Amino acid sequence: MEDADLLMARVAERDVAAFEAVYDRYYRLVYGIAFKLLADEAAAEDVTQAVFLKIWSAPRAFGGGMFSAWIARVARNRALDVVRSRKAHEAGELPADLPLEGTVDDTVFARLDSQRVRTALAELPDEQRDPIELGFFSGITHEEIARRTGTPLGTVKTRIRTGLRRLRSALEASAV
């Protein structure tokens, strides 16, 4: 089992396998925290997606230390941003205790990033999109994807890896 510091160093080098390993290890923690705070599956999935998008796009944000504590804090903060955003919409104005720096911007960018990812994901072929969605959004392992689809494990991993590369290229192109 690789150390989180080493995995994150590999993610910083754009190693998709390292990112997949980080995701496989921590998505349940991130989703669990988001769901506990939001009590909404779709919102918890969006928060989970935003957290892992942040890890992929800014891996150096993790400065070392206990990775599980860091990612839990990132997930909690992102979920709290959603809670604050909901309260602001309900009240019709920003609450007095809402931090002024970054919180609203982070929420807006997370929504924009989420939409960009969904659009790019929709452009992938079904054979790549389906296992990515099963793994990243349904939270099942590569082995379970292989069992459910009747596809060899190696093929599932290759399709996910290829799809993630295409997804990254599409996201980079749309950011320009």
Protein backbone atom coordinates (compact mmCIF):
# COMPACT_ATOMS: atom_id res chain seq x y z
CA MET A 1 0.00 0.00 0.00
CA GLU A 2 1.51 3.29 -1.09
CA ASP A 3 1.89 6.25 1.20
CA ALA A 4 -0.52 9.12 0.43
CA ASP A 5 2.40 11.55 0.07
CA LEU A 6 3.88 9.38 -2.67
CA LEU A 7 0.53 8.94 -4.38
CA MET A 8 -0.09 12.68 -4.36
CA ALA A 9 3.39 13.31 -5.78
CA ARG A 10 2.48 10.95 -8.61
CA VAL A 11 -0.88 12.69 -9.09
CA ALA A 12 1.03 15.98 -9.39
CA GLU A 13 2.92 14.33 -12.26
CA ARG A 14 -0.47 13.53 -13.89
CA ASP A 15 -0.32 9.81 -13.09
CA VAL A 16 -3.87 8.58 -13.72
CA ALA A 17 -3.26 5.29 -11.90
CA ALA A 18 -2.18 7.19 -8.78
CA PHE A 19 -5.30 9.37 -9.00
CA GLU A 20 -7.44 6.24 -9.34
CA ALA A 21 -5.73 4.78 -6.27
CA VAL A 22 -6.42 7.96 -4.26
CA TYR A 23 -10.02 7.94 -5.45
CA ASP A 24 -10.52 4.25 -4.67
CA ARG A 25 -9.16 4.71 -1.16
CA TYR A 26 -10.91 7.94 -0.19
CA TYR A 27 -14.11 8.41 -2.17
CA ARG A 28 -16.21 6.67 0.50
CA LEU A 29 -14.80 9.00 3.17
CA VAL A 30 -15.47 12.10 1.04
CA TYR A 31 -18.95 11.00 0.01
CA GLY A 32 -19.80 9.97 3.58
CA ILE A 33 -18.85 13.36 5.00
CA ALA A 34 -20.73 15.20 2.27
CA PHE A 35 -23.83 13.04 2.66
CA LYS A 36 -23.83 13.40 6.44
CA LEU A 37 -23.74 17.20 6.17
CA LEU A 38 -26.09 17.56 3.20
CA ALA A 39 -28.48 14.58 3.53
CA ASP A 40 -28.81 14.67 -0.25
CA GLU A 41 -27.30 12.02 -2.52
CA ALA A 42 -26.96 14.24 -5.59
CA ALA A 43 -25.39 17.08 -3.64
CA ALA A 44 -23.02 14.65 -1.90
CA GLU A 45 -22.01 13.25 -5.30
CA ASP A 46 -21.39 16.79 -6.58
CA VAL A 47 -19.24 17.59 -3.55
CA THR A 48 -17.32 14.33 -4.01
CA GLN A 49 -16.75 15.15 -7.65
CA ALA A 50 -15.60 18.68 -6.80
CA VAL A 51 -13.14 17.41 -4.18
CA PHE A 52 -11.56 14.92 -6.55
CA LEU A 53 -11.53 17.46 -9.37
CA LYS A 54 -9.63 19.76 -7.00
CA ILE A 55 -7.18 16.95 -6.21
CA TRP A 56 -6.61 16.32 -9.91
CA SER A 57 -6.36 19.97 -10.92
CA ALA A 58 -4.40 21.22 -7.88
CA PRO A 59 -2.62 18.25 -6.28
CA ARG A 60 -0.05 20.50 -4.66
CA ALA A 61 -2.80 21.89 -2.39
CA PHE A 62 -1.99 18.89 -0.21
CA GLY A 63 1.13 20.02 1.60
CA GLY A 64 1.90 16.73 3.30
CA GLY A 65 0.88 15.29 6.62
CA MET A 66 -2.11 13.08 7.29
CA PHE A 67 -3.89 12.83 3.94
CA SER A 68 -7.12 11.39 5.33
CA ALA A 69 -7.48 14.36 7.69
CA TRP A 70 -6.71 16.81 4.87
CA ILE A 71 -9.20 15.31 2.42
CA ALA A 72 -11.83 15.06 5.15
CA ARG A 73 -11.38 18.78 5.86
CA VAL A 74 -11.61 19.63 2.14
CA ALA A 75 -14.80 17.55 1.85
CA ARG A 76 -16.29 19.12 4.97
CA ASN A 77 -15.48 22.65 3.80
CA ARG A 78 -16.93 22.01 0.34
CA ALA A 79 -20.11 20.53 1.85
CA LEU A 80 -20.42 23.47 4.25
CA ASP A 81 -20.13 25.81 1.28
CA VAL A 82 -23.17 24.07 -0.21
CA VAL A 83 -25.05 24.35 3.10
CA ARG A 84 -24.24 28.06 3.27
CA SER A 85 -25.29 28.52 -0.33
CA ARG A 86 -28.62 26.84 0.38
CA LYS A 87 -29.21 29.03 3.41
CA ALA A 88 -28.35 32.14 1.40
CA HIS A 89 -30.89 31.17 -1.26
CA GLU A 90 -33.54 30.47 1.37
CA ALA A 91 -32.98 33.79 3.15
CA GLY A 92 -32.63 35.77 -0.05
CA GLU A 93 -29.42 37.37 1.18
CA LEU A 94 -26.00 36.34 2.41
CA PRO A 95 -25.89 35.30 6.05
CA ALA A 96 -23.84 37.51 8.36
CA ASP A 97 -21.54 34.65 9.39
CA LEU A 98 -20.57 33.69 5.83
CA PRO A 99 -16.82 34.12 5.34
CA LEU A 100 -16.17 36.67 2.63
CA GLU A 101 -13.01 35.17 1.15
CA GLY A 102 -13.29 32.40 -1.39
CA THR A 103 -16.39 30.57 -0.19
CA VAL A 104 -18.86 31.87 -2.76
CA ASP A 105 -16.20 31.79 -5.48
CA ASP A 106 -15.36 28.18 -4.63
CA THR A 107 -19.03 27.21 -4.87
CA VAL A 108 -19.46 28.95 -8.21
CA PHE A 109 -16.29 27.39 -9.62
CA ALA A 110 -17.28 23.97 -8.30
CA ARG A 111 -20.59 24.25 -10.16
CA LEU A 112 -18.87 25.43 -13.33
CA ASP A 113 -16.30 22.64 -13.04
CA SER A 114 -19.07 20.12 -12.41
CA GLN A 115 -20.88 21.20 -15.57
CA ARG A 116 -17.66 21.11 -17.62
CA VAL A 117 -16.95 17.58 -16.39
CA ARG A 118 -20.49 16.42 -17.16
CA THR A 119 -20.29 17.88 -20.68
CA ALA A 120 -16.88 16.32 -21.34
CA LEU A 121 -18.02 13.00 -19.88
CA ALA A 122 -21.07 12.95 -22.18
CA GLU A 123 -18.73 13.18 -25.19
CA LEU A 124 -16.90 9.95 -24.28
CA PRO A 125 -17.86 6.69 -25.99
CA ASP A 126 -20.21 4.52 -23.91
CA GLU A 127 -17.51 1.87 -23.40
CA GLN A 128 -15.37 4.47 -21.57
CA ARG A 129 -18.07 6.63 -20.00
CA ASP A 130 -20.04 3.78 -18.44
CA PRO A 131 -17.20 2.29 -16.33
CA ILE A 132 -16.05 5.79 -15.30
CA GLU A 133 -19.56 6.66 -14.13
CA LEU A 134 -19.92 3.33 -12.32
CA GLY A 135 -16.58 3.76 -10.57
CA PHE A 136 -16.61 7.44 -9.79
CA PHE A 137 -20.29 8.15 -9.25
CA SER A 138 -21.67 4.80 -8.08
CA GLY A 139 -18.62 4.10 -5.96
CA ILE A 140 -17.96 0.55 -7.08
CA THR A 141 -14.59 -1.08 -7.60
CA HIS A 142 -13.03 -2.03 -10.91
CA GLU A 143 -13.60 -5.68 -10.04
CA GLU A 144 -17.31 -5.07 -9.46
CA ILE A 145 -17.57 -3.14 -12.74
CA ALA A 146 -16.00 -6.12 -14.52
CA ARG A 147 -18.47 -8.50 -12.86
CA ARG A 148 -21.51 -6.33 -13.59
CA THR A 149 -20.60 -5.71 -17.22
CA GLY A 150 -19.12 -9.13 -17.99
CA THR A 151 -15.95 -7.40 -19.19
CA PRO A 152 -12.45 -8.60 -18.29
CA LEU A 153 -10.87 -6.60 -15.44
CA GLY A 154 -7.92 -5.50 -17.58
CA THR A 155 -10.29 -4.18 -20.24
CA VAL A 156 -12.28 -2.25 -17.63
CA LYS A 157 -9.10 -0.64 -16.28
CA THR A 158 -7.88 0.21 -19.79
CA ARG A 159 -11.21 1.76 -20.73
CA ILE A 160 -11.27 3.83 -17.55
CA ARG A 161 -7.68 4.95 -18.03
CA THR A 162 -8.28 5.83 -21.69
CA GLY A 163 -11.52 7.61 -20.82
CA LEU A 164 -9.85 9.63 -18.06
CA ARG A 165 -7.11 10.70 -20.47
CA ARG A 166 -9.69 11.81 -23.03
CA LEU A 167 -11.66 13.53 -20.27
CA ARG A 168 -8.56 15.39 -19.12
CA SER A 169 -7.78 16.48 -22.69
CA ALA A 170 -11.35 17.70 -23.19
CA LEU A 171 -11.28 19.60 -19.88
CA GLU A 172 -7.94 21.18 -20.70
CA ALA A 173 -9.24 22.22 -24.12
CA SER A 174 -12.41 23.72 -22.63
CA ALA A 175 -10.38 25.69 -20.07
CA VAL A 176 -8.56 27.59 -22.80
